[in-house]
Amino acid sequence: MILANPFPLQNPLIVQGDHTVLAEVDNPLYPQARDALARFAELVKSPEHIHTYRLTPLSIWNACAIGETAESITATLRGFAKYPVPQHIEASVRDFAGRYGCLRLVRHGLDLLLCARDLPLAEELARREQLRAFIRERFNPLEFIVPASERGRLKHALIKLGFPTEDLAGYITGEPLVFDFALRAHTLAGLPFAPRRYQSEAADLFHAGGEARGGSGVVVLPCGAGKTIVGAVCMSLLRASTLILATSVTAARQWKQELLDKTTVPADAIGQYNGDSKEIRPVTIATYQILTHRSSKQSEFTHFKIFDERNWGLIIYDEVHLLPAPVFQVTASLQARRRLGLTATLVREDGREDEVFALIGPKKYDVPWKEMEKQGWIAKAICTEIRLPMSEARRMEYAIAEPRQKFRVASENPEKLRIVRELLERHRDDPVLIIGTYLDQIDGFAQELNLPLLKGSTPQNLRDEVYERFRSGQINRLVVSKIANFSVDLPDAAVAIQVSGMFGSRQEEAQRLGRILRPKPGENQAYFYSVVSRDTVEQDFALNRQLFLCEQGYEYRIVSLDRPDTELPEWHVAP
């Protein structure tokens, strides 16, 4: 007798034994399955037709932190699966989810209690050498007294041992704002303004959960999707003194401009804390650079005192995936403050994503880049890698170079200048950024092309002046170093030409593409070119750099030239 198949073949998901889940994009049920999967699975790849997700302990813990259970997760998988879900996958989900909530942190007077679910687990904790420094005493067989100051360090140590802790110790309210903080209905220029639906959803999910759960976590949105607005909406929900940590002085000033333009915060209530200014106001914007400054490697971090200057109700970490190690350390002691991390990708080249989970909070919201592109919220990007050979003399220099120098020899291939000239001619009417890592190289480009150059040593006032000229259209060509990798708002940039980068950094590739993803009028199109030396380690590293974007669904068109003097083939700028 043939039994009926309880798993309809028209369903969009294939759950595989290696903890991956394949999703058919063209399936009518895909949008529902995608939204459900996003709560408990990590998106690994999203090319045109089949998207790949992965079930990991961290992804399941993130889901549990926002209210999912093992039963709801397995029910979702079964409900959308085309074939039976492997039994061991369901067992893994139950195991991963079962670890979350085995340990809870709750308030106990001025201290905290670490509560274990059962006696065997409590005994294991009591015998762990890594935990002894954080536990004051055993309160009863299942509970341990922990100083409130060790809240973050304990959570960090526990997650490294594979035990995510459900933190129910709550947050301090912080100093309330004495002025009305609300979102404007119109910008200062009189244009209508309202947060986009996904921005409000992200803020609501961050804030959801009441006093014990709401107010700690990470929001992941593509570059150009308006993460600053998410921060502003969260501030309007909490209405407490806020410390914002940004990647640079330019990014800090852009935060201030956005807040003034789109909220009712008075200008004199916003302080800037950086190398030039040390203002502490109800809303204070500081840079990671100033926070990590110290006179010597042995001395204290001079400006960590900012965390105690006010009774902060919210701390916002812009580009949280870049969080420097010292700020991770101080964040461990800030667990009573509400914390919001903003990023385009939680990919960290050092593999410290679990520390973001433990010290900032679980991922609360995530949207694939291509999904935002389809909805028109970010520009459609055409990515092209141009591979060009080196001259014979350069090839000889490369051949005899030490292994550590080969990448730089290839990256600074002089033939790249000719290719950049050709690309500038093809995009003569478009605003273009030429981005590089090596200062000698970009100095040469700026001189040869007679273009303004911004780099680390450029004074801040000159940076601001040049950025403003670019935004206003007075200039439409700009050479920039890696200072432009992060949080630089150049909304009219439509073309980026990358002439060198930091080895195989997926982060950097994604951030550089992000410089041109803000929505454009008309066709809403952007162009990203990466110029690399053919048959070298630079080409090899380029494959890894592109990995994150390819997994997000971006294609790289490859143009390979045979000789150093070969002209670029003709192609339609918009294929």
Protein backbone atom coordinates (compact mmCIF):
# COMPACT_ATOMS: atom_id res chain seq x y z
CA MET A 1 0.00 0.00 0.00
CA ILE A 2 1.33 3.47 -0.91
CA LEU A 3 0.92 6.00 1.87
CA ALA A 4 0.08 9.62 1.10
CA ASN A 5 3.08 11.96 1.31
CA PRO A 6 2.42 14.40 4.18
CA PHE A 7 5.07 16.75 2.73
CA PRO A 8 3.59 18.48 -0.35
CA LEU A 9 6.06 18.71 -3.20
CA GLN A 10 4.85 22.23 -3.94
CA ASN A 11 6.41 23.44 -0.68
CA PRO A 12 9.51 25.69 -1.04
CA LEU A 13 12.00 24.25 1.49
CA ILE A 14 14.41 21.33 1.44
CA VAL A 15 15.83 20.65 4.90
CA GLN A 16 19.17 18.83 4.57
CA GLY A 17 21.11 16.66 6.95
CA ASP A 18 24.07 19.06 7.09
CA HIS A 19 21.93 21.69 8.89
CA THR A 20 21.34 23.69 5.71
CA VAL A 21 17.93 24.63 4.36
CA LEU A 22 17.40 25.28 0.63
CA ALA A 23 14.64 27.70 -0.35
CA GLU A 24 13.16 27.92 -3.86
CA VAL A 25 12.87 31.62 -4.62
CA ASP A 26 10.30 31.24 -7.42
CA ASN A 27 7.92 29.21 -5.26
CA PRO A 28 4.65 31.04 -4.41
CA LEU A 29 5.13 30.15 -0.73
CA TYR A 30 8.71 31.46 -0.64
CA PRO A 31 7.90 34.90 0.88
CA GLN A 32 6.14 33.26 3.86
CA ALA A 33 8.90 30.68 4.29
CA ARG A 34 11.61 33.34 4.03
CA ASP A 35 10.03 35.50 6.72
CA ALA A 36 9.69 32.48 9.01
CA LEU A 37 13.24 31.22 8.36
CA ALA A 38 14.74 34.65 9.05
CA ARG A 39 13.77 34.24 12.71
CA PHE A 40 15.89 31.16 13.37
CA ALA A 41 18.29 30.47 10.48
CA GLU A 42 21.29 32.35 9.09
CA LEU A 43 21.15 33.30 5.42
CA VAL A 44 24.31 31.84 3.88
CA LYS A 45 23.79 32.36 0.15
CA SER A 46 21.09 34.11 -1.87
CA PRO A 47 21.78 33.81 -5.60
CA GLU A 48 19.00 33.95 -8.18
CA HIS A 49 16.98 30.76 -7.75
CA ILE A 50 17.94 28.84 -4.60
CA HIS A 51 18.75 30.50 -1.27
CA THR A 52 20.71 28.61 1.37
CA TYR A 53 20.14 29.00 5.09
CA ARG A 54 21.99 27.32 7.95
CA LEU A 55 20.78 26.24 11.38
CA THR A 56 23.47 27.01 13.96
CA PRO A 57 23.51 27.19 17.75
CA LEU A 58 23.83 30.98 17.51
CA SER A 59 20.91 31.30 15.07
CA ILE A 60 18.69 29.17 17.31
CA TRP A 61 19.74 31.12 20.42
CA ASN A 62 18.89 34.37 18.63
CA ALA A 63 15.47 32.92 17.85
CA CYS A 64 14.88 31.82 21.43
CA ALA A 65 15.82 35.29 22.63
CA ILE A 66 12.90 36.75 20.64
CA GLY A 67 10.40 34.14 21.79
CA GLU A 68 10.75 31.18 19.41
CA THR A 69 10.74 27.64 20.81
CA ALA A 70 12.09 24.33 19.55
CA GLU A 71 8.50 23.29 18.81
CA SER A 72 7.70 26.42 16.78
CA ILE A 73 10.94 26.08 14.81
CA THR A 74 10.46 22.40 13.94
CA ALA A 75 6.79 23.05 13.12
CA THR A 76 7.84 25.78 10.67
CA LEU A 77 10.37 23.47 9.02
CA ARG A 78 7.82 20.68 8.67
CA GLY A 79 5.13 23.07 7.45
CA PHE A 80 7.22 24.40 4.55
CA ALA A 81 9.36 21.32 3.80
CA LYS A 82 9.09 19.55 0.45
CA TYR A 83 10.48 16.32 1.91
CA PRO A 84 10.57 14.86 5.44
CA VAL A 85 12.78 16.80 7.85
CA PRO A 86 15.73 14.59 8.95
CA GLN A 87 15.14 13.33 12.46
CA HIS A 88 18.59 14.38 13.68
CA ILE A 89 17.93 17.98 12.51
CA GLU A 90 14.88 18.18 14.74
CA ALA A 91 16.98 16.70 17.55
CA SER A 92 19.67 19.34 16.97
CA VAL A 93 17.11 22.13 17.07
CA ARG A 94 15.78 20.79 20.38
CA ASP A 95 19.31 20.53 21.74
CA PHE A 96 20.35 24.02 20.66
CA ALA A 97 17.10 25.57 21.91
CA GLY A 98 17.28 23.55 25.10
CA ARG A 99 20.52 25.25 26.06
CA TYR A 100 18.91 28.68 25.93
CA GLY A 101 17.13 29.28 29.21
CA CYS A 102 19.03 26.57 31.10
CA LEU A 103 20.78 29.50 32.71
CA ARG A 104 19.07 32.72 33.69
CA LEU A 105 20.33 35.94 35.22
CA VAL A 106 17.86 37.71 37.52
CA ARG A 107 18.07 40.66 39.89
CA HIS A 108 18.88 39.91 43.57
CA GLY A 109 19.04 43.14 45.54
CA LEU A 110 22.15 44.98 44.39
CA ASP A 111 23.57 41.75 42.99
CA LEU A 112 22.43 39.14 40.46
CA LEU A 113 21.52 35.48 40.69
CA LEU A 114 22.74 33.01 38.10
CA CYS A 115 20.05 30.32 38.12
CA ALA A 116 20.63 26.83 36.73
CA ARG A 117 17.75 24.68 35.53
CA ASP A 118 18.89 21.53 37.32
CA LEU A 119 21.46 20.29 39.81
CA PRO A 120 23.85 18.54 37.37
CA LEU A 121 24.22 21.79 35.42
CA ALA A 122 24.75 23.76 38.64
CA GLU A 123 27.45 21.30 39.70
CA GLU A 124 29.17 21.66 36.34
CA LEU A 125 29.19 25.45 36.66
CA ALA A 126 30.56 25.24 40.19
CA ARG A 127 33.53 23.25 38.92
CA ARG A 128 34.33 25.37 35.86
CA GLU A 129 37.63 27.17 36.41
CA GLN A 130 36.65 29.84 33.85
CA LEU A 131 33.68 30.96 35.99
CA ARG A 132 35.18 31.22 39.46
CA ALA A 133 36.31 34.81 39.03
CA PHE A 134 32.72 35.93 38.35
CA ILE A 135 30.79 34.04 41.05
CA ARG A 136 30.77 35.44 44.57
CA GLU A 137 29.11 32.52 46.36
CA ARG A 138 26.63 29.68 45.98
CA PHE A 139 23.28 30.95 47.21
CA ASN A 140 21.54 27.56 47.15
CA PRO A 141 22.01 24.31 45.19
CA LEU A 142 20.73 25.85 41.93
CA GLU A 143 21.69 29.53 42.27
CA PHE A 144 24.90 31.56 42.48
CA ILE A 145 25.35 35.16 43.58
CA VAL A 146 27.11 37.26 40.96
CA PRO A 147 28.19 40.90 41.42
CA ALA A 148 26.21 43.13 39.06
CA SER A 149 29.51 44.48 37.71
CA GLU A 150 30.38 40.99 36.38
CA ARG A 151 27.16 40.60 34.38
CA GLY A 152 28.73 40.97 30.95
CA ARG A 153 31.97 39.14 31.65
CA LEU A 154 30.03 36.18 33.02
CA LYS A 155 27.75 36.05 29.95
CA HIS A 156 30.81 36.24 27.73
CA ALA A 157 32.53 33.40 29.57
CA LEU A 158 29.38 31.26 29.50
CA ILE A 159 28.76 31.62 25.78
CA LYS A 160 32.36 30.60 25.10
CA LEU A 161 31.52 27.42 27.06
CA GLY A 162 28.41 26.87 24.93
CA PHE A 163 25.86 28.13 27.46
CA PRO A 164 23.89 31.18 26.26
CA THR A 165 22.41 32.98 29.25
CA GLU A 166 18.88 34.36 29.30
CA ASP A 167 19.42 37.78 30.81
CA LEU A 168 16.32 38.80 32.77
CA ALA A 169 18.07 41.21 35.12
CA GLY A 170 16.50 44.19 33.35
CA TYR A 171 17.85 47.64 32.60
CA ILE A 172 18.06 50.96 34.32
CA THR A 173 15.78 53.59 32.84
CA GLY A 174 18.54 56.12 32.55
CA GLU A 175 18.27 59.87 32.73
CA PRO A 176 15.06 60.96 30.96
CA LEU A 177 15.25 63.63 28.29
CA VAL A 178 13.90 66.95 29.55
CA PHE A 179 12.76 67.96 26.07
CA ASP A 180 10.21 66.36 23.76
CA PHE A 181 12.04 63.88 21.54
CA ALA A 182 9.82 62.93 18.60
CA LEU A 183 10.09 62.23 14.89
CA ARG A 184 9.29 65.11 12.58
CA ALA A 185 6.54 64.90 9.97
CA HIS A 186 8.68 67.09 7.69
CA THR A 187 12.44 67.54 7.41
CA LEU A 188 14.03 70.95 7.95
CA ALA A 189 13.84 71.44 4.17
CA GLY A 190 10.07 70.90 4.32
CA LEU A 191 10.06 67.45 2.72
CA PRO A 192 7.57 64.86 4.06
CA PHE A 193 9.22 62.35 6.38
CA ALA A 194 8.11 59.13 8.04
CA PRO A 195 10.14 56.05 8.92
CA ARG A 196 9.88 53.27 6.37
CA ARG A 197 7.91 50.21 7.42
CA TYR A 198 11.01 48.05 7.97
CA GLN A 199 12.69 50.79 10.02
CA SER A 200 9.70 50.95 12.38
CA GLU A 201 9.50 47.13 12.52
CA ALA A 202 13.18 46.89 13.45
CA ALA A 203 12.81 49.48 16.23
CA ASP A 204 9.66 47.81 17.57
CA LEU A 205 11.37 44.40 17.70
CA PHE A 206 14.34 45.96 19.50
CA HIS A 207 12.01 47.55 22.05
CA ALA A 208 9.61 44.60 22.44
CA GLY A 209 9.67 42.39 25.51
CA GLY A 210 9.04 44.77 28.37
CA GLU A 211 11.47 45.87 31.04
CA ALA A 212 13.28 42.52 31.33
CA ARG A 213 13.82 41.65 27.65
CA GLY A 214 13.27 44.72 25.47
CA GLY A 215 16.09 47.06 24.66
CA SER A 216 19.16 45.00 23.83
CA GLY A 217 20.12 43.59 20.46
CA VAL A 218 21.36 44.06 16.91
CA VAL A 219 19.58 45.30 13.78
CA VAL A 220 21.09 44.19 10.46
CA LEU A 221 20.18 46.28 7.39
CA PRO A 222 22.01 46.83 4.08
CA CYS A 223 24.22 49.87 3.57
CA GLY A 224 22.08 52.77 2.45
CA ALA A 225 18.90 51.42 4.05
CA GLY A 226 18.79 54.07 6.79
CA LYS A 227 20.11 52.44 9.95
CA THR A 228 20.42 55.91 11.49
CA ILE A 229 16.64 56.28 11.28
CA VAL A 230 16.23 52.97 13.15
CA GLY A 231 18.39 54.46 15.90
CA ALA A 232 16.29 57.62 15.95
CA VAL A 233 13.04 55.62 16.22
CA CYS A 234 14.50 53.61 19.13
CA MET A 235 15.47 56.86 20.83
CA SER A 236 11.92 58.17 20.39
CA LEU A 237 10.55 55.01 22.03
CA LEU A 238 12.87 55.22 25.06
CA ARG A 239 13.27 59.01 25.40
CA ALA A 240 16.33 58.64 27.59
CA SER A 241 19.82 60.08 27.46
CA THR A 242 21.70 58.37 24.65
CA LEU A 243 25.36 57.73 23.88
CA ILE A 244 26.04 57.03 20.19
CA LEU A 245 29.36 55.45 19.18
CA ALA A 246 30.35 56.09 15.55
CA THR A 247 33.25 55.06 13.33
CA SER A 248 34.63 58.52 12.54
CA VAL A 249 34.16 62.24 13.07
CA THR A 250 32.45 62.43 9.68
CA ALA A 251 30.01 59.67 10.65
CA ALA A 252 29.38 61.38 14.00
CA ARG A 253 28.53 64.65 12.27
CA GLN A 254 26.20 62.83 9.91
CA TRP A 255 24.40 61.35 12.92
CA LYS A 256 23.94 64.85 14.31
CA GLN A 257 22.66 66.17 10.97
CA GLU A 258 20.15 63.33 10.65
CA LEU A 259 18.87 63.79 14.20
CA LEU A 260 18.43 67.54 13.73
CA ASP A 261 16.78 67.04 10.33
CA LYS A 262 14.33 64.31 11.30
CA THR A 263 13.70 64.65 15.05
CA THR A 264 12.76 67.43 17.44
CA VAL A 265 15.99 67.22 19.46
CA PRO A 266 17.38 70.74 20.05
CA ALA A 267 20.83 71.41 18.61
CA ASP A 268 22.24 72.35 22.01
CA ALA A 269 21.18 68.96 23.41
CA ILE A 270 23.58 67.09 21.08
CA GLY A 271 27.21 66.85 22.15
CA GLN A 272 30.16 65.73 20.00
CA TYR A 273 32.97 63.86 21.74
CA ASN A 274 36.05 63.48 19.55
CA GLY A 275 39.58 64.77 19.14
CA ASP A 276 38.42 68.35 18.64
CA SER A 277 35.45 68.55 21.00
CA LYS A 278 34.60 66.98 24.38
CA GLU A 279 30.93 67.85 24.86
CA ILE A 280 28.75 65.70 27.13
CA ARG A 281 25.07 66.40 26.45
CA PRO A 282 21.79 64.44 26.80
CA VAL A 283 22.54 63.00 23.35
CA THR A 284 26.28 62.52 22.91
CA ILE A 285 28.03 61.19 19.81
CA ALA A 286 31.56 59.80 20.27
CA THR A 287 33.97 57.99 17.97
CA TYR A 288 35.54 54.58 18.50
CA GLN A 289 38.90 56.21 17.76
CA ILE A 290 38.74 58.62 20.68
CA LEU A 291 37.48 55.91 23.04
CA THR A 292 40.41 53.60 22.25
CA HIS A 293 43.04 56.33 22.56
CA ARG A 294 45.70 55.98 25.25
CA SER A 295 49.14 57.45 25.70
CA SER A 296 50.87 54.06 25.73
CA LYS A 297 50.04 50.37 25.55
CA GLN A 298 50.44 50.10 29.31
CA SER A 299 48.29 53.11 30.22
CA GLU A 300 44.54 53.32 30.81
CA PHE A 301 42.11 54.31 28.06
CA THR A 302 41.80 58.03 28.69
CA HIS A 303 38.22 58.54 27.55
CA PHE A 304 36.40 55.50 28.92
CA LYS A 305 35.13 57.87 31.61
CA ILE A 306 32.48 58.98 29.10
CA PHE A 307 30.47 55.87 29.96
CA ASP A 308 30.06 57.21 33.51
CA GLU A 309 29.62 60.89 32.68
CA ARG A 310 25.81 60.55 32.48
CA ASN A 311 23.18 58.03 33.47
CA TRP A 312 22.80 56.76 29.91
CA GLY A 313 19.50 55.06 29.10
CA LEU A 314 20.64 53.83 25.66
CA ILE A 315 23.98 53.18 23.98
CA ILE A 316 23.98 52.84 20.17
CA TYR A 317 26.90 51.06 18.50
CA ASP A 318 27.06 52.11 14.85
CA GLU A 319 28.75 49.54 12.57
CA VAL A 320 28.79 47.13 15.51
CA HIS A 321 30.68 44.50 13.50
CA LEU A 322 33.71 46.81 13.75
CA LEU A 323 33.57 47.05 17.53
CA PRO A 324 37.18 47.34 18.77
CA ALA A 325 38.31 44.85 21.41
CA PRO A 326 38.66 47.52 24.15
CA VAL A 327 35.07 48.67 23.58
CA PHE A 328 33.95 45.03 23.78
CA GLN A 329 35.65 44.94 27.18
CA VAL A 330 34.01 48.08 28.52
CA THR A 331 30.65 46.95 27.11
CA ALA A 332 30.86 43.94 29.41
CA SER A 333 30.41 46.32 32.33
CA LEU A 334 27.47 48.17 30.71
CA GLN A 335 24.93 45.39 30.79
CA ALA A 336 22.42 47.42 32.80
CA ARG A 337 22.23 49.93 29.93
CA ARG A 338 20.05 49.30 26.90
CA ARG A 339 22.28 48.57 23.90
CA LEU A 340 21.50 48.79 20.17
CA GLY A 341 23.95 47.50 17.57
CA LEU A 342 23.55 48.62 13.96
CA THR A 343 25.34 46.93 11.06
CA ALA A 344 25.08 45.88 7.43
CA THR A 345 26.64 42.49 8.18
CA LEU A 346 27.49 40.59 11.33
CA VAL A 347 30.40 38.97 9.48
CA ARG A 348 33.55 39.53 11.52
CA GLU A 349 36.88 38.40 10.15
CA ASP A 350 37.95 37.54 13.72
CA GLY A 351 34.95 35.24 14.32
CA ARG A 352 33.69 37.17 17.38
CA GLU A 353 30.00 37.12 16.39
CA ASP A 354 29.18 35.21 19.58
CA GLU A 355 30.63 38.09 21.62
CA VAL A 356 28.27 40.51 19.87
CA PHE A 357 25.42 38.18 20.93
CA ALA A 358 26.61 37.98 24.54
CA LEU A 359 27.59 41.61 25.11
CA ILE A 360 25.36 43.67 22.79
CA GLY A 361 22.42 41.30 22.46
CA PRO A 362 20.70 38.92 20.05
CA LYS A 363 19.98 39.77 16.45
CA LYS A 364 16.53 41.34 16.44
CA TYR A 365 16.04 42.17 12.74
CA ASP A 366 17.66 41.20 9.44
CA VAL A 367 16.73 41.77 5.79
CA PRO A 368 18.62 40.33 2.75
CA TRP A 369 20.21 43.00 0.58
CA LYS A 370 18.52 41.80 -2.61
CA GLU A 371 15.13 41.92 -0.91
CA MET A 372 15.65 45.61 -0.15
CA GLU A 373 16.79 46.15 -3.73
CA LYS A 374 13.60 44.56 -5.12
CA GLN A 375 11.54 46.92 -2.98
CA GLY A 376 13.48 49.92 -4.30
CA TRP A 377 14.93 50.92 -0.92
CA ILE A 378 18.52 50.55 -2.14
CA ALA A 379 20.03 50.93 -5.61
CA LYS A 380 20.44 48.02 -8.04
CA ALA A 381 24.16 47.35 -8.18
CA ILE A 382 26.08 45.97 -11.17
CA CYS A 383 29.38 44.48 -9.96
CA THR A 384 32.30 44.01 -12.37
CA GLU A 385 35.77 42.65 -11.75
CA ILE A 386 38.33 43.78 -14.31
CA ARG A 387 41.42 41.56 -14.45
CA LEU A 388 44.40 43.06 -16.23
CA PRO A 389 47.93 41.67 -16.63
CA MET A 390 51.08 43.37 -15.44
CA SER A 391 53.91 44.54 -17.66
CA GLU A 392 56.88 42.19 -18.02
CA ALA A 393 58.98 44.36 -15.70
CA ARG A 394 56.24 44.36 -13.08
CA ARG A 395 55.81 40.61 -13.41
CA MET A 396 59.52 40.19 -12.69
CA GLU A 397 59.22 42.44 -9.62
CA TYR A 398 56.26 40.33 -8.49
CA ALA A 399 58.13 37.06 -9.13
CA ILE A 400 61.08 37.95 -6.90
CA ALA A 401 59.07 39.70 -4.17
CA GLU A 402 58.79 38.15 -0.72
CA PRO A 403 55.45 36.37 -0.20
CA ARG A 404 54.15 39.12 2.10
CA GLN A 405 54.97 41.78 -0.52
CA LYS A 406 53.41 40.10 -3.53
CA PHE A 407 49.91 41.36 -2.74
CA ARG A 408 51.06 44.97 -2.62
CA VAL A 409 53.12 44.67 -5.82
CA ALA A 410 50.04 43.32 -7.60
CA SER A 411 47.67 45.86 -6.00
CA GLU A 412 49.80 48.83 -7.11
CA ASN A 413 50.00 47.68 -10.73
CA PRO A 414 50.57 50.97 -12.68
CA GLU A 415 48.37 49.69 -15.53
CA LYS A 416 45.33 50.26 -13.33
CA LEU A 417 45.52 53.99 -13.98
CA ARG A 418 44.68 53.48 -17.66
CA ILE A 419 41.68 51.33 -16.78
CA VAL A 420 40.42 53.96 -14.34
CA ARG A 421 40.71 56.62 -17.05
CA GLU A 422 38.58 54.49 -19.36
CA LEU A 423 35.95 53.90 -16.69
CA LEU A 424 35.80 57.60 -15.89
CA GLU A 425 35.20 58.31 -19.56
CA ARG A 426 32.39 55.75 -19.73
CA HIS A 427 30.78 57.29 -16.64
CA ARG A 428 31.59 60.88 -17.51
CA ASP A 429 28.24 62.14 -16.23
CA ASP A 430 28.07 60.03 -13.06
CA PRO A 431 29.43 60.85 -9.57
CA VAL A 432 32.39 58.48 -9.06
CA LEU A 433 34.45 57.36 -6.05
CA ILE A 434 37.92 55.91 -6.65
CA ILE A 435 38.77 53.89 -3.55
CA GLY A 436 42.15 52.45 -2.59
CA THR A 437 44.13 51.26 0.40
CA TYR A 438 47.75 52.14 -0.39
CA LEU A 439 48.50 55.83 0.06
CA ASP A 440 51.26 56.06 -2.56
CA GLN A 441 48.87 54.58 -5.09
CA ILE A 442 45.95 56.89 -4.42
CA ASP A 443 48.27 59.92 -4.16
CA GLY A 444 49.43 59.05 -7.68
CA PHE A 445 45.87 58.64 -8.96
CA ALA A 446 44.82 62.00 -7.54
CA GLN A 447 47.81 63.76 -9.13
CA GLU A 448 47.53 62.06 -12.52
CA LEU A 449 43.77 62.60 -12.77
CA ASN A 450 43.84 66.04 -11.11
CA LEU A 451 41.21 65.02 -8.57
CA PRO A 452 40.68 65.87 -4.89
CA LEU A 453 42.00 63.26 -2.45
CA LEU A 454 40.78 62.39 1.04
CA LYS A 455 42.86 60.19 3.34
CA GLY A 456 43.56 59.70 7.03
CA SER A 457 45.84 62.72 7.31
CA THR A 458 43.34 65.07 5.65
CA PRO A 459 42.18 67.67 8.24
CA GLN A 460 38.56 67.22 9.25
CA ASN A 461 37.50 70.67 8.05
CA LEU A 462 38.90 69.92 4.57
CA ARG A 463 37.16 66.51 4.54
CA ASP A 464 33.85 68.18 5.35
CA GLU A 465 34.39 70.80 2.64
CA VAL A 466 35.20 68.21 -0.06
CA TYR A 467 32.33 65.91 0.96
CA GLU A 468 29.95 68.86 0.75
CA ARG A 469 31.23 69.83 -2.72
CA PHE A 470 30.65 66.26 -3.86
CA ARG A 471 27.14 66.13 -2.39
CA SER A 472 26.22 69.46 -3.97
CA GLY A 473 27.50 68.41 -7.41
CA GLN A 474 30.33 70.96 -7.61
CA ILE A 475 32.66 68.00 -8.18
CA ASN A 476 31.73 64.51 -9.36
CA ARG A 477 35.06 62.71 -8.98
CA LEU A 478 36.73 61.89 -5.68
CA VAL A 479 39.72 59.75 -4.70
CA VAL A 480 39.40 58.30 -1.18
CA SER A 481 41.39 56.00 1.08
CA LYS A 482 39.83 53.43 3.39
CA ILE A 483 38.44 56.30 5.50
CA ALA A 484 35.44 56.16 3.16
CA ASN A 485 34.76 52.49 3.90
CA PHE A 486 32.32 53.23 6.69
CA SER A 487 29.35 55.48 7.40
CA VAL A 488 30.12 58.19 4.86
CA ASP A 489 26.90 59.60 3.46
CA LEU A 490 27.49 60.43 -0.19
CA PRO A 491 23.96 59.87 -1.47
CA ASP A 492 24.69 60.88 -5.07
CA ALA A 493 27.67 58.53 -5.57
CA ALA A 494 26.64 56.15 -8.36
CA VAL A 495 29.97 54.52 -9.28
CA ALA A 496 32.76 53.08 -7.14
CA ILE A 497 36.09 51.98 -8.64
CA GLN A 498 38.14 49.89 -6.21
CA VAL A 499 41.84 49.87 -7.10
CA SER A 500 43.17 48.13 -3.96
CA GLY A 501 41.85 46.62 -0.76
CA MET A 502 42.78 44.88 2.46
CA PHE A 503 43.55 41.32 1.33
CA GLY A 504 40.43 39.10 1.43
CA SER A 505 38.20 41.26 3.65
CA ARG A 506 34.52 40.46 2.99
CA GLN A 507 33.57 43.30 5.34
CA GLU A 508 35.46 45.88 3.32
CA GLU A 509 34.01 44.74 -0.02
CA ALA A 510 30.48 44.98 1.35
CA GLN A 511 31.09 48.37 2.95
CA ARG A 512 32.63 49.82 -0.21
CA LEU A 513 29.68 48.68 -2.30
CA GLY A 514 27.51 50.29 0.35
CA ARG A 515 28.92 53.73 -0.46
CA ILE A 516 26.84 53.73 -3.68
CA LEU A 517 23.67 51.89 -2.62
CA ARG A 518 21.53 54.80 -1.52
CA PRO A 519 18.45 55.05 -3.79
CA LYS A 520 18.97 56.94 -7.05
CA PRO A 521 16.41 58.82 -9.14
CA GLY A 522 15.30 57.22 -12.39
CA GLU A 523 16.60 53.69 -12.94
CA ASN A 524 18.02 53.46 -9.39
CA GLN A 525 21.24 51.90 -10.71
CA ALA A 526 24.78 51.82 -9.27
CA TYR A 527 28.06 50.38 -10.57
CA PHE A 528 30.86 48.77 -8.60
CA TYR A 529 34.18 48.01 -10.31
CA SER A 530 37.07 46.11 -8.77
CA VAL A 531 40.32 46.36 -10.73
CA VAL A 532 42.78 43.54 -9.97
CA SER A 533 46.02 42.20 -11.43
CA ARG A 534 45.43 38.97 -13.30
CA ASP A 535 47.03 35.67 -12.25
CA THR A 536 48.25 37.06 -8.92
CA VAL A 537 47.41 36.69 -5.24
CA GLU A 538 45.31 39.85 -5.59
CA GLN A 539 42.97 37.95 -7.92
CA ASP A 540 42.88 35.06 -5.44
CA PHE A 541 42.00 37.37 -2.54
CA ALA A 542 39.33 39.06 -4.69
CA LEU A 543 37.37 35.80 -4.75
CA ASN A 544 37.15 35.80 -0.95
CA ARG A 545 36.37 39.53 -0.80
CA GLN A 546 33.36 38.97 -3.04
CA LEU A 547 32.04 36.03 -1.02
CA PHE A 548 29.61 37.90 1.23
CA LEU A 549 28.12 39.89 -1.64
CA CYS A 550 27.79 36.80 -3.86
CA GLU A 551 26.02 35.07 -0.99
CA GLN A 552 23.67 38.06 -0.85
CA GLY A 553 22.79 37.44 -4.50
CA TYR A 554 25.12 39.84 -6.31
CA GLU A 555 26.82 38.65 -9.50
CA TYR A 556 30.30 39.74 -10.55
CA ARG A 557 30.75 40.16 -14.28
CA ILE A 558 34.37 39.24 -15.12
CA VAL A 559 36.28 41.20 -17.76
CA SER A 560 39.73 39.68 -18.37
CA LEU A 561 42.28 41.50 -20.52
CA ASP A 562 45.05 39.65 -22.37
CA ARG A 563 47.73 42.35 -22.48
CA PRO A 564 48.53 45.42 -20.36
CA ASP A 565 47.68 47.73 -23.26
CA THR A 566 44.37 46.03 -24.17
CA GLU A 567 41.40 48.37 -24.13
CA LEU A 568 38.28 47.49 -22.22
CA PRO A 569 35.73 45.73 -24.43
CA GLU A 570 32.52 47.56 -25.23
CA TRP A 571 29.57 46.66 -23.05
CA HIS A 572 26.34 48.28 -22.12
CA VAL A 573 26.79 50.11 -18.87
CA ALA A 574 23.46 48.69 -17.74
CA PRO A 575 23.37 45.05 -18.94
